[in-house]
Amino acid sequence: MAMEFTEKNLGLVLIGQNPEKISQVSTELREVNSGEKLKNVVMDLSNDIELRVLLDTVKDVNFGILVNVTGLTNEDPTHFHRLGEDITMDIVNVNLLASTKITDVLLLGCLGRDIVP
């Protein structure tokens, strides 16, 4: 999907906690387009402080399409009840809390611009 947006010269913000993975995807996208509208953000969405910084940064972003593919899972497949509390809370924070807050902040910005009825 990112490649299709890049081919159409739409701006993208890539967010993730793995700098190598973001760099690899960014390099592939820049081969298709110069990347002037491509921004990389390396951060941990399970970290509340980093999430607040991101929310403050994106609250006034003018965008047309929101594709939220945020997600976290444990590395080794196992039953949820066997996970430790730390990984369980990280999964909840990233998959539910962070993605919901990012969507909320961006949609509120759309309401201010009369994009969403």
PDB file of N, CA and C in Angstrom:
ATOM      1  N   MET A   1       0.820  -1.183   0.000  1.00  0.00           N
ATOM      2  CA  MET A   1       0.000   0.000   0.000  1.00  0.00           C
ATOM      3  C   MET A   1       0.871   1.257   0.000  1.00  0.00           C
ATOM      4  N   ALA A   2       1.948   1.254   0.783  1.00  0.00           N
ATOM      5  CA  ALA A   2       2.842   2.411   0.834  1.00  0.00           C
ATOM      6  C   ALA A   2       3.429   2.694  -0.545  1.00  0.00           C
ATOM      7  N   MET A   3       3.764   1.642  -1.272  1.00  0.00           N
ATOM      8  CA  MET A   3       4.334   1.810  -2.607  1.00  0.00           C
ATOM      9  C   MET A   3       3.329   2.485  -3.543  1.00  0.00           C
ATOM     10  N   GLU A   4       2.072   2.088  -3.458  1.00  0.00           N
ATOM     11  CA  GLU A   4       1.043   2.694  -4.305  1.00  0.00           C
ATOM     12  C   GLU A   4       0.878   4.174  -3.982  1.00  0.00           C
ATOM     13  N   PHE A   5       0.900   4.521  -2.708  1.00  0.00           N
ATOM     14  CA  PHE A   5       0.782   5.929  -2.326  1.00  0.00           C
ATOM     15  C   PHE A   5       1.986   6.724  -2.820  1.00  0.00           C
ATOM     16  N   THR A   6       3.169   6.131  -2.721  1.00  0.00           N
ATOM     17  CA  THR A   6       4.383   6.809  -3.181  1.00  0.00           C
ATOM     18  C   THR A   6       4.336   7.030  -4.688  1.00  0.00           C
ATOM     19  N   GLU A   7       3.870   6.024  -5.423  1.00  0.00           N
ATOM     20  CA  GLU A   7       3.758   6.161  -6.876  1.00  0.00           C
ATOM     21  C   GLU A   7       2.807   7.282  -7.263  1.00  0.00           C
ATOM     22  N   LYS A   8       1.813   7.556  -6.410  1.00  0.00           N
ATOM     23  CA  LYS A   8       0.845   8.622  -6.675  1.00  0.00           C
ATOM     24  C   LYS A   8       1.283   9.947  -6.052  1.00  0.00           C
ATOM     25  N   ASN A   9       2.522   9.984  -5.544  1.00  0.00           N
ATOM     26  CA  ASN A   9       3.118  11.196  -4.966  1.00  0.00           C
ATOM     27  C   ASN A   9       2.371  11.707  -3.739  1.00  0.00           C
ATOM     28  N   LEU A  10       1.801  10.771  -2.965  1.00  0.00           N
ATOM     29  CA  LEU A  10       1.133  11.144  -1.719  1.00  0.00           C
ATOM     30  C   LEU A  10       2.154  11.087  -0.583  1.00  0.00           C
ATOM     31  N   GLY A  11       2.020  11.967   0.368  1.00  0.00           N
ATOM     32  CA  GLY A  11       2.935  11.992   1.504  1.00  0.00           C
ATOM     33  C   GLY A  11       2.712  10.820   2.441  1.00  0.00           C
ATOM     34  N   LEU A  12       3.809  10.340   3.031  1.00  0.00           N
ATOM     35  CA  LEU A  12       3.752   9.224   3.968  1.00  0.00           C
ATOM     36  C   LEU A  12       4.581   9.529   5.197  1.00  0.00           C
ATOM     37  N   VAL A  13       4.093   9.070   6.338  1.00  0.00           N
ATOM     38  CA  VAL A  13       4.879   9.081   7.566  1.00  0.00           C
ATOM     39  C   VAL A  13       4.983   7.628   8.005  1.00  0.00           C
ATOM     40  N   LEU A  14       6.212   7.118   8.038  1.00  0.00           N
ATOM     41  CA  LEU A  14       6.464   5.744   8.484  1.00  0.00           C
ATOM     42  C   LEU A  14       6.854   5.785   9.949  1.00  0.00           C
ATOM     43  N   ILE A  15       6.120   5.081  10.791  1.00  0.00           N
ATOM     44  CA  ILE A  15       6.382   5.066  12.226  1.00  0.00           C
ATOM     45  C   ILE A  15       6.657   3.638  12.661  1.00  0.00           C
ATOM     46  N   GLY A  16       7.735   3.446  13.392  1.00  0.00           N
ATOM     47  CA  GLY A  16       8.055   2.129  13.909  1.00  0.00           C
ATOM     48  C   GLY A  16       9.204   2.205  14.887  1.00  0.00           C
ATOM     49  N   GLN A  17       9.445   1.113  15.583  1.00  0.00           N
ATOM     50  CA  GLN A  17      10.521   1.133  16.564  1.00  0.00           C
ATOM     51  C   GLN A  17      11.787   0.446  16.062  1.00  0.00           C
ATOM     52  N   ASN A  18      11.739  -0.117  14.857  1.00  0.00           N
ATOM     53  CA  ASN A  18      12.903  -0.778  14.292  1.00  0.00           C
ATOM     54  C   ASN A  18      13.510   0.114  13.207  1.00  0.00           C
ATOM     55  N   PRO A  19      14.612   0.826  13.522  1.00  0.00           N
ATOM     56  CA  PRO A  19      15.180   1.764  12.550  1.00  0.00           C
ATOM     57  C   PRO A  19      15.650   1.100  11.252  1.00  0.00           C
ATOM     58  N   GLU A  20      16.144  -0.135  11.344  1.00  0.00           N
ATOM     59  CA  GLU A  20      16.599  -0.827  10.139  1.00  0.00           C
ATOM     60  C   GLU A  20      15.429  -1.119   9.194  1.00  0.00           C
ATOM     61  N   LYS A  21      14.315  -1.558   9.766  1.00  0.00           N
ATOM     62  CA  LYS A  21      13.142  -1.880   8.953  1.00  0.00           C
ATOM     63  C   LYS A  21      12.573  -0.617   8.294  1.00  0.00           C
ATOM     64  N   ILE A  22      12.489   0.467   9.065  1.00  0.00           N
ATOM     65  CA  ILE A  22      11.982   1.722   8.501  1.00  0.00           C
ATOM     66  C   ILE A  22      12.916   2.211   7.392  1.00  0.00           C
ATOM     67  N   SER A  23      14.210   2.122   7.628  1.00  0.00           N
ATOM     68  CA  SER A  23      15.189   2.548   6.626  1.00  0.00           C
ATOM     69  C   SER A  23      15.074   1.725   5.345  1.00  0.00           C
ATOM     70  N   GLN A  24      14.886   0.423   5.483  1.00  0.00           N
ATOM     71  CA  GLN A  24      14.749  -0.455   4.320  1.00  0.00           C
ATOM     72  C   GLN A  24      13.504  -0.087   3.503  1.00  0.00           C
ATOM     73  N   VAL A  25      12.377   0.073   4.187  1.00  0.00           N
ATOM     74  CA  VAL A  25      11.124   0.430   3.495  1.00  0.00           C
ATOM     75  C   VAL A  25      11.268   1.804   2.848  1.00  0.00           C
ATOM     76  N   SER A  26      11.866   2.737   3.578  1.00  0.00           N
ATOM     77  CA  SER A  26      12.049   4.095   3.073  1.00  0.00           C
ATOM     78  C   SER A  26      12.924   4.103   1.817  1.00  0.00           C
ATOM     79  N   THR A  27      13.986   3.318   1.823  1.00  0.00           N
ATOM     80  CA  THR A  27      14.877   3.228   0.661  1.00  0.00           C
ATOM     81  C   THR A  27      14.123   2.689  -0.545  1.00  0.00           C
ATOM     82  N   GLU A  28      13.323   1.657  -0.344  1.00  0.00           N
ATOM     83  CA  GLU A  28      12.538   1.089  -1.448  1.00  0.00           C
ATOM     84  C   GLU A  28      11.549   2.115  -2.000  1.00  0.00           C
ATOM     85  N   LEU A  29      10.927   2.894  -1.109  1.00  0.00           N
ATOM     86  CA  LEU A  29       9.957   3.889  -1.554  1.00  0.00           C
ATOM     87  C   LEU A  29      10.640   5.035  -2.294  1.00  0.00           C
ATOM     88  N   ARG A  30      11.828   5.417  -1.843  1.00  0.00           N
ATOM     89  CA  ARG A  30      12.547   6.513  -2.497  1.00  0.00           C
ATOM     90  C   ARG A  30      13.056   6.124  -3.887  1.00  0.00           C
ATOM     91  N   GLU A  31      13.181   4.834  -4.157  1.00  0.00           N
ATOM     92  CA  GLU A  31      13.555   4.387  -5.501  1.00  0.00           C
ATOM     93  C   GLU A  31      12.433   4.675  -6.496  1.00  0.00           C
ATOM     94  N   VAL A  32      11.208   4.732  -6.004  1.00  0.00           N
ATOM     95  CA  VAL A  32      10.043   5.005  -6.840  1.00  0.00           C
ATOM     96  C   VAL A  32       9.786   6.502  -6.940  1.00  0.00           C
ATOM     97  N   ASN A  33      10.054   7.233  -5.850  1.00  0.00           N
ATOM     98  CA  ASN A  33       9.779   8.655  -5.776  1.00  0.00           C
ATOM     99  C   ASN A  33      10.904   9.297  -4.973  1.00  0.00           C
ATOM    100  N   SER A  34      11.204  10.527  -5.226  1.00  0.00           N
ATOM    101  CA  SER A  34      12.337  11.195  -4.567  1.00  0.00           C
ATOM    102  C   SER A  34      12.229  11.212  -3.048  1.00  0.00           C
ATOM    103  N   GLY A  35      11.047  11.029  -2.521  1.00  0.00           N
ATOM    104  CA  GLY A  35      10.891  10.929  -1.075  1.00  0.00           C
ATOM    105  C   GLY A  35      10.734  12.249  -0.355  1.00  0.00           C
ATOM    106  N   GLU A  36      10.459  13.327  -1.115  1.00  0.00           N
ATOM    107  CA  GLU A  36      10.281  14.618  -0.465  1.00  0.00           C
ATOM    108  C   GLU A  36       9.093  14.612   0.492  1.00  0.00           C
ATOM    109  N   LYS A  37       8.128  13.750   0.212  1.00  0.00           N
ATOM    110  CA  LYS A  37       6.936  13.677   1.050  1.00  0.00           C
ATOM    111  C   LYS A  37       6.973  12.451   1.958  1.00  0.00           C
ATOM    112  N   LEU A  38       8.157  11.965   2.261  1.00  0.00           N
ATOM    113  CA  LEU A  38       8.313  10.774   3.081  1.00  0.00           C
ATOM    114  C   LEU A  38       9.067  11.141   4.350  1.00  0.00           C
ATOM    115  N   LYS A  39       8.475  10.798   5.484  1.00  0.00           N
ATOM    116  CA  LYS A  39       9.102  11.091   6.770  1.00  0.00           C
ATOM    117  C   LYS A  39       9.185   9.802   7.572  1.00  0.00           C
ATOM    118  N   ASN A  40      10.333   9.573   8.180  1.00  0.00           N
ATOM    119  CA  ASN A  40      10.542   8.407   9.035  1.00  0.00           C
ATOM    120  C   ASN A  40      10.542   8.841  10.489  1.00  0.00           C
ATOM    121  N   VAL A  41       9.808   8.128  11.315  1.00  0.00           N
ATOM    122  CA  VAL A  41       9.777   8.395  12.753  1.00  0.00           C
ATOM    123  C   VAL A  41      10.058   7.078  13.474  1.00  0.00           C
ATOM    124  N   VAL A  42      11.174   7.043  14.210  1.00  0.00           N
ATOM    125  CA  VAL A  42      11.517   5.860  14.985  1.00  0.00           C
ATOM    126  C   VAL A  42      11.094   6.113  16.415  1.00  0.00           C
ATOM    127  N   MET A  43      10.170   5.298  16.896  1.00  0.00           N
ATOM    128  CA  MET A  43       9.674   5.462  18.263  1.00  0.00           C
ATOM    129  C   MET A  43       8.991   4.193  18.731  1.00  0.00           C
ATOM    130  N   ASP A  44       8.800   4.120  20.015  1.00  0.00           N
ATOM    131  CA  ASP A  44       8.141   2.978  20.646  1.00  0.00           C
ATOM    132  C   ASP A  44       6.747   3.419  21.071  1.00  0.00           C
ATOM    133  N   LEU A  45       5.730   2.956  20.362  1.00  0.00           N
ATOM    134  CA  LEU A  45       4.361   3.370  20.662  1.00  0.00           C
ATOM    135  C   LEU A  45       3.833   2.799  21.972  1.00  0.00           C
ATOM    136  N   SER A  46       4.568   1.874  22.581  1.00  0.00           N
ATOM    137  CA  SER A  46       4.139   1.383  23.894  1.00  0.00           C
ATOM    138  C   SER A  46       4.609   2.312  25.003  1.00  0.00           C
ATOM    139  N   ASN A  47       5.466   3.287  24.652  1.00  0.00           N
ATOM    140  CA  ASN A  47       5.983   4.258  25.612  1.00  0.00           C
ATOM    141  C   ASN A  47       5.069   5.476  25.616  1.00  0.00           C
ATOM    142  N   ASP A  48       4.427   5.736  26.745  1.00  0.00           N
ATOM    143  CA  ASP A  48       3.434   6.814  26.842  1.00  0.00           C
ATOM    144  C   ASP A  48       4.029   8.183  26.532  1.00  0.00           C
ATOM    145  N   ILE A  49       5.253   8.445  26.952  1.00  0.00           N
ATOM    146  CA  ILE A  49       5.880   9.745  26.707  1.00  0.00           C
ATOM    147  C   ILE A  49       6.118   9.942  25.209  1.00  0.00           C
ATOM    148  N   GLU A  50       6.644   8.913  24.536  1.00  0.00           N
ATOM    149  CA  GLU A  50       6.873   9.012  23.096  1.00  0.00           C
ATOM    150  C   GLU A  50       5.558   9.166  22.348  1.00  0.00           C
ATOM    151  N   LEU A  51       4.529   8.471  22.802  1.00  0.00           N
ATOM    152  CA  LEU A  51       3.213   8.581  22.172  1.00  0.00           C
ATOM    153  C   LEU A  51       2.679  10.002  22.301  1.00  0.00           C
ATOM    154  N   ARG A  52       2.825  10.610  23.469  1.00  0.00           N
ATOM    155  CA  ARG A  52       2.344  11.992  23.654  1.00  0.00           C
ATOM    156  C   ARG A  52       3.069  12.970  22.740  1.00  0.00           C
ATOM    157  N   VAL A  53       4.379  12.777  22.557  1.00  0.00           N
ATOM    158  CA  VAL A  53       5.147  13.628  21.643  1.00  0.00           C
ATOM    159  C   VAL A  53       4.617  13.470  20.223  1.00  0.00           C
ATOM    160  N   LEU A  54       4.370  12.226  19.803  1.00  0.00           N
ATOM    161  CA  LEU A  54       3.826  11.981  18.473  1.00  0.00           C
ATOM    162  C   LEU A  54       2.465  12.638  18.306  1.00  0.00           C
ATOM    163  N   LEU A  55       1.601  12.476  19.290  1.00  0.00           N
ATOM    164  CA  LEU A  55       0.254  13.062  19.202  1.00  0.00           C
ATOM    165  C   LEU A  55       0.317  14.571  19.063  1.00  0.00           C
ATOM    166  N   ASP A  56       1.220  15.206  19.809  1.00  0.00           N
ATOM    167  CA  ASP A  56       1.373  16.654  19.711  1.00  0.00           C
ATOM    168  C   ASP A  56       1.918  17.047  18.339  1.00  0.00           C
ATOM    169  N   THR A  57       2.775  16.218  17.778  1.00  0.00           N
ATOM    170  CA  THR A  57       3.376  16.494  16.479  1.00  0.00           C
ATOM    171  C   THR A  57       2.365  16.379  15.344  1.00  0.00           C
ATOM    172  N   VAL A  58       1.489  15.381  15.403  1.00  0.00           N
ATOM    173  CA  VAL A  58       0.582  15.122  14.274  1.00  0.00           C
ATOM    174  C   VAL A  58      -0.769  15.815  14.383  1.00  0.00           C
ATOM    175  N   LYS A  59      -1.030  16.492  15.481  1.00  0.00           N
ATOM    176  CA  LYS A  59      -2.381  17.030  15.674  1.00  0.00           C
ATOM    177  C   LYS A  59      -2.794  18.026  14.596  1.00  0.00           C
ATOM    178  N   ASP A  60      -1.841  18.706  13.958  1.00  0.00           N
ATOM    179  CA  ASP A  60      -2.181  19.678  12.930  1.00  0.00           C
ATOM    180  C   ASP A  60      -1.776  19.226  11.525  1.00  0.00           C
ATOM    181  N   VAL A  61      -1.480  17.938  11.376  1.00  0.00           N
ATOM    182  CA  VAL A  61      -1.076  17.421  10.069  1.00  0.00           C
ATOM    183  C   VAL A  61      -2.278  17.428   9.122  1.00  0.00           C
ATOM    184  N   ASN A  62      -2.063  17.946   7.930  1.00  0.00           N
ATOM    185  CA  ASN A  62      -3.102  17.963   6.911  1.00  0.00           C
ATOM    186  C   ASN A  62      -2.922  16.705   6.062  1.00  0.00           C
ATOM    187  N   PHE A  63      -3.866  15.802   6.131  1.00  0.00           N
ATOM    188  CA  PHE A  63      -3.756  14.543   5.409  1.00  0.00           C
ATOM    189  C   PHE A  63      -5.085  14.214   4.758  1.00  0.00           C
ATOM    190  N   GLY A  64      -5.033  13.332   3.789  1.00  0.00           N
ATOM    191  CA  GLY A  64      -6.250  12.919   3.113  1.00  0.00           C
ATOM    192  C   GLY A  64      -6.609  11.470   3.383  1.00  0.00           C
ATOM    193  N   ILE A  65      -5.601  10.643   3.670  1.00  0.00           N
ATOM    194  CA  ILE A  65      -5.826   9.223   3.885  1.00  0.00           C
ATOM    195  C   ILE A  65      -5.075   8.795   5.142  1.00  0.00           C
ATOM    196  N   LEU A  66      -5.761   8.088   6.020  1.00  0.00           N
ATOM    197  CA  LEU A  66      -5.126   7.531   7.209  1.00  0.00           C
ATOM    198  C   LEU A  66      -5.129   6.014   7.080  1.00  0.00           C
ATOM    199  N   VAL A  67      -3.942   5.442   7.048  1.00  0.00           N
ATOM    200  CA  VAL A  67      -3.797   3.988   7.052  1.00  0.00           C
ATOM    201  C   VAL A  67      -3.030   3.655   8.321  1.00  0.00           C
ATOM    202  N   ASN A  68      -3.711   3.062   9.258  1.00  0.00           N
ATOM    203  CA  ASN A  68      -3.100   2.755  10.538  1.00  0.00           C
ATOM    204  C   ASN A  68      -2.815   1.257  10.593  1.00  0.00           C
ATOM    205  N   VAL A  69      -1.551   0.896  10.502  1.00  0.00           N
ATOM    206  CA  VAL A  69      -1.161  -0.505  10.526  1.00  0.00           C
ATOM    207  C   VAL A  69      -0.330  -0.820  11.768  1.00  0.00           C
ATOM    208  N   THR A  70      -0.561  -0.050  12.806  1.00  0.00           N
ATOM    209  CA  THR A  70       0.142  -0.252  14.060  1.00  0.00           C
ATOM    210  C   THR A  70      -0.193  -1.632  14.615  1.00  0.00           C
ATOM    211  N   GLY A  71       0.805  -2.318  15.103  1.00  0.00           N
ATOM    212  CA  GLY A  71       0.529  -3.619  15.699  1.00  0.00           C
ATOM    213  C   GLY A  71       1.744  -4.198  16.398  1.00  0.00           C
ATOM    214  N   LEU A  72       1.491  -4.960  17.428  1.00  0.00           N
ATOM    215  CA  LEU A  72       2.545  -5.613  18.190  1.00  0.00           C
ATOM    216  C   LEU A  72       2.034  -6.970  18.642  1.00  0.00           C
ATOM    217  N   THR A  73       2.906  -7.943  18.629  1.00  0.00           N
ATOM    218  CA  THR A  73       2.574  -9.265  19.138  1.00  0.00           C
ATOM    219  C   THR A  73       3.814  -9.826  19.819  1.00  0.00           C
ATOM    220  N   ASN A  74       3.645 -10.894  20.545  1.00  0.00           N
ATOM    221  CA  ASN A  74       4.813 -11.507  21.159  1.00  0.00           C
ATOM    222  C   ASN A  74       5.610 -12.245  20.091  1.00  0.00           C
ATOM    223  N   GLU A  75       6.910 -12.373  20.300  1.00  0.00           N
ATOM    224  CA  GLU A  75       7.770 -12.986  19.289  1.00  0.00           C
ATOM    225  C   GLU A  75       7.520 -14.484  19.139  1.00  0.00           C
ATOM    226  N   ASP A  76       7.284 -15.163  20.245  1.00  0.00           N
ATOM    227  CA  ASP A  76       7.043 -16.604  20.203  1.00  0.00           C
ATOM    228  C   ASP A  76       5.564 -16.876  20.412  1.00  0.00           C
ATOM    229  N   PRO A  77       4.929 -17.523  19.448  1.00  0.00           N
ATOM    230  CA  PRO A  77       3.498 -17.808  19.597  1.00  0.00           C
ATOM    231  C   PRO A  77       3.226 -18.597  20.880  1.00  0.00           C
ATOM    232  N   THR A  78       2.299 -18.092  21.652  1.00  0.00           N
ATOM    233  CA  THR A  78       1.890 -18.763  22.879  1.00  0.00           C
ATOM    234  C   THR A  78       0.501 -18.271  23.250  1.00  0.00           C
ATOM    235  N   HIS A  79      -0.103 -18.914  24.194  1.00  0.00           N
ATOM    236  CA  HIS A  79      -1.416 -18.476  24.669  1.00  0.00           C
ATOM    237  C   HIS A  79      -1.272 -17.152  25.421  1.00  0.00           C
ATOM    238  N   PHE A  80      -2.258 -16.294  25.250  1.00  0.00           N
ATOM    239  CA  PHE A  80      -2.208 -14.949  25.829  1.00  0.00           C
ATOM    240  C   PHE A  80      -2.005 -14.996  27.339  1.00  0.00           C
ATOM    241  N   HIS A  81      -2.635 -15.939  28.021  1.00  0.00           N
ATOM    242  CA  HIS A  81      -2.546 -15.989  29.482  1.00  0.00           C
ATOM    243  C   HIS A  81      -1.153 -16.395  29.969  1.00  0.00           C
ATOM    244  N   ARG A  82      -0.300 -16.875  29.056  1.00  0.00           N
ATOM    245  CA  ARG A  82       1.055 -17.271  29.435  1.00  0.00           C
ATOM    246  C   ARG A  82       2.070 -16.149  29.241  1.00  0.00           C
ATOM    247  N   LEU A  83       1.639 -15.056  28.672  1.00  0.00           N
ATOM    248  CA  LEU A  83       2.531 -13.919  28.487  1.00  0.00           C
ATOM    249  C   LEU A  83       2.757 -13.220  29.819  1.00  0.00           C
ATOM    250  N   GLY A  84       3.881 -12.593  29.957  1.00  0.00           N
ATOM    251  CA  GLY A  84       4.124 -11.798  31.156  1.00  0.00           C
ATOM    252  C   GLY A  84       3.331 -10.506  31.107  1.00  0.00           C
ATOM    253  N   GLU A  85       3.204  -9.867  32.247  1.00  0.00           N
ATOM    254  CA  GLU A  85       2.422  -8.629  32.320  1.00  0.00           C
ATOM    255  C   GLU A  85       3.026  -7.522  31.457  1.00  0.00           C
ATOM    256  N   ASP A  86       4.352  -7.441  31.387  1.00  0.00           N
ATOM    257  CA  ASP A  86       4.991  -6.384  30.596  1.00  0.00           C
ATOM    258  C   ASP A  86       4.619  -6.478  29.118  1.00  0.00           C
ATOM    259  N   ILE A  87       4.760  -7.670  28.527  1.00  0.00           N
ATOM    260  CA  ILE A  87       4.444  -7.822  27.103  1.00  0.00           C
ATOM    261  C   ILE A  87       2.940  -7.675  26.874  1.00  0.00           C
ATOM    262  N   THR A  88       2.134  -8.137  27.813  1.00  0.00           N
ATOM    263  CA  THR A  88       0.680  -7.982  27.684  1.00  0.00           C
ATOM    264  C   THR A  88       0.315  -6.501  27.642  1.00  0.00           C
ATOM    265  N   MET A  89       0.891  -5.710  28.522  1.00  0.00           N
ATOM    266  CA  MET A  89       0.580  -4.274  28.555  1.00  0.00           C
ATOM    267  C   MET A  89       1.120  -3.572  27.311  1.00  0.00           C
ATOM    268  N   ASP A  90       2.298  -3.980  26.816  1.00  0.00           N
ATOM    269  CA  ASP A  90       2.822  -3.391  25.583  1.00  0.00           C
ATOM    270  C   ASP A  90       1.888  -3.673  24.411  1.00  0.00           C
ATOM    271  N   ILE A  91       1.384  -4.900  24.332  1.00  0.00           N
ATOM    272  CA  ILE A  91       0.457  -5.266  23.257  1.00  0.00           C
ATOM    273  C   ILE A  91      -0.815  -4.430  23.342  1.00  0.00           C
ATOM    274  N   VAL A  92      -1.365  -4.305  24.525  1.00  0.00           N
ATOM    275  CA  VAL A  92      -2.587  -3.509  24.715  1.00  0.00           C
ATOM    276  C   VAL A  92      -2.322  -2.037  24.386  1.00  0.00           C
ATOM    277  N   ASN A  93      -1.194  -1.511  24.877  1.00  0.00           N
ATOM    278  CA  ASN A  93      -0.882  -0.096  24.645  1.00  0.00           C
ATOM    279  C   ASN A  93      -0.688   0.221  23.167  1.00  0.00           C
ATOM    280  N   VAL A  94       0.003  -0.643  22.444  1.00  0.00           N
ATOM    281  CA  VAL A  94       0.255  -0.379  21.023  1.00  0.00           C
ATOM    282  C   VAL A  94      -0.975  -0.684  20.176  1.00  0.00           C
ATOM    283  N   ASN A  95      -1.548  -1.867  20.347  1.00  0.00           N
ATOM    284  CA  ASN A  95      -2.634  -2.307  19.462  1.00  0.00           C
ATOM    285  C   ASN A  95      -3.952  -1.600  19.719  1.00  0.00           C
ATOM    286  N   LEU A  96      -4.194  -1.197  20.938  1.00  0.00           N
ATOM    287  CA  LEU A  96      -5.470  -0.551  21.254  1.00  0.00           C
ATOM    288  C   LEU A  96      -5.307   0.929  21.568  1.00  0.00           C
ATOM    289  N   LEU A  97      -4.542   1.231  22.590  1.00  0.00           N
ATOM    290  CA  LEU A  97      -4.458   2.603  23.077  1.00  0.00           C
ATOM    291  C   LEU A  97      -3.792   3.547  22.075  1.00  0.00           C
ATOM    292  N   ALA A  98      -2.590   3.211  21.629  1.00  0.00           N
ATOM    293  CA  ALA A  98      -1.857   4.110  20.735  1.00  0.00           C
ATOM    294  C   ALA A  98      -2.591   4.319  19.417  1.00  0.00           C
ATOM    295  N   SER A  99      -3.033   3.241  18.793  1.00  0.00           N
ATOM    296  CA  SER A  99      -3.699   3.392  17.499  1.00  0.00           C
ATOM    297  C   SER A  99      -5.005   4.171  17.628  1.00  0.00           C
ATOM    298  N   THR A 100      -5.716   3.974  18.723  1.00  0.00           N
ATOM    299  CA  THR A 100      -6.958   4.721  18.948  1.00  0.00           C
ATOM    300  C   THR A 100      -6.674   6.203  19.172  1.00  0.00           C
ATOM    301  N   LYS A 101      -5.664   6.508  19.968  1.00  0.00           N
ATOM    302  CA  LYS A 101      -5.327   7.917  20.235  1.00  0.00           C
ATOM    303  C   LYS A 101      -4.852   8.626  18.971  1.00  0.00           C
ATOM    304  N   ILE A 102      -4.009   7.963  18.167  1.00  0.00           N
ATOM    305  CA  ILE A 102      -3.526   8.572  16.922  1.00  0.00           C
ATOM    306  C   ILE A 102      -4.699   8.851  15.991  1.00  0.00           C
ATOM    307  N   THR A 103      -5.571   7.888  15.824  1.00  0.00           N
ATOM    308  CA  THR A 103      -6.746   8.068  14.970  1.00  0.00           C
ATOM    309  C   THR A 103      -7.622   9.201  15.482  1.00  0.00           C
ATOM    310  N   ASP A 104      -7.842   9.255  16.794  1.00  0.00           N
ATOM    311  CA  ASP A 104      -8.669  10.292  17.399  1.00  0.00           C
ATOM    312  C   ASP A 104      -8.094  11.686  17.141  1.00  0.00           C
ATOM    313  N   VAL A 105      -6.804  11.858  17.378  1.00  0.00           N
ATOM    314  CA  VAL A 105      -6.172  13.169  17.194  1.00  0.00           C
ATOM    315  C   VAL A 105      -6.254  13.605  15.733  1.00  0.00           C
ATOM    316  N   LEU A 106      -5.969  12.689  14.812  1.00  0.00           N
ATOM    317  CA  LEU A 106      -6.017  13.050  13.394  1.00  0.00           C
ATOM    318  C   LEU A 106      -7.437  13.342  12.926  1.00  0.00           C
ATOM    319  N   LEU A 107      -8.400  12.566  13.400  1.00  0.00           N
ATOM    320  CA  LEU A 107      -9.787  12.821  12.992  1.00  0.00           C
ATOM    321  C   LEU A 107     -10.315  14.132  13.567  1.00  0.00           C
ATOM    322  N   LEU A 108      -9.891  14.484  14.773  1.00  0.00           N
ATOM    323  CA  LEU A 108     -10.289  15.785  15.326  1.00  0.00           C
ATOM    324  C   LEU A 108      -9.767  16.917  14.459  1.00  0.00           C
ATOM    325  N   GLY A 109      -8.560  16.750  13.919  1.00  0.00           N
ATOM    326  CA  GLY A 109      -8.026  17.736  12.994  1.00  0.00           C
ATOM    327  C   GLY A 109      -8.846  17.830  11.722  1.00  0.00           C
ATOM    328  N   CYS A 110      -9.353  16.708  11.251  1.00  0.00           N
ATOM    329  CA  CYS A 110     -10.205  16.696  10.069  1.00  0.00           C
ATOM    330  C   CYS A 110     -11.520  17.424  10.323  1.00  0.00           C
ATOM    331  N   LEU A 111     -12.067  17.241  11.513  1.00  0.00           N
ATOM    332  CA  LEU A 111     -13.314  17.923  11.864  1.00  0.00           C
ATOM    333  C   LEU A 111     -13.121  19.435  11.824  1.00  0.00           C
ATOM    334  N   GLY A 112     -11.958  19.875  12.261  1.00  0.00           N
ATOM    335  CA  GLY A 112     -11.658  21.311  12.241  1.00  0.00           C
ATOM    336  C   GLY A 112     -11.526  21.850  10.842  1.00  0.00           C
ATOM    337  N   ARG A 113     -11.246  20.994   9.877  1.00  0.00           N
ATOM    338  CA  ARG A 113     -11.105  21.422   8.484  1.00  0.00           C
ATOM    339  C   ARG A 113     -12.336  21.033   7.652  1.00  0.00           C
ATOM    340  N   ASP A 114     -13.395  20.608   8.298  1.00  0.00           N
ATOM    341  CA  ASP A 114     -14.633  20.203   7.619  1.00  0.00           C
ATOM    342  C   ASP A 114     -14.422  19.074   6.619  1.00  0.00           C
ATOM    343  N   ILE A 115     -13.485  18.161   6.936  1.00  0.00           N
ATOM    344  CA  ILE A 115     -13.255  17.017   6.067  1.00  0.00           C
ATOM    345  C   ILE A 115     -14.212  15.888   6.432  1.00  0.00           C
ATOM    346  N   VAL A 116     -14.510  15.771   7.726  1.00  0.00           N
ATOM    347  CA  VAL A 116     -15.412  14.728   8.198  1.00  0.00           C
ATOM    348  C   VAL A 116     -16.711  15.399   8.633  1.00  0.00           C
ATOM    349  N   PRO A 117     -17.856  14.904   8.162  1.00  0.00           N
ATOM    350  CA  PRO A 117     -19.135  15.551   8.518  1.00  0.00           C
ATOM    351  C   PRO A 117     -19.480  15.376   9.985  1.00  0.00           C
TER     352      PRO A 117
END
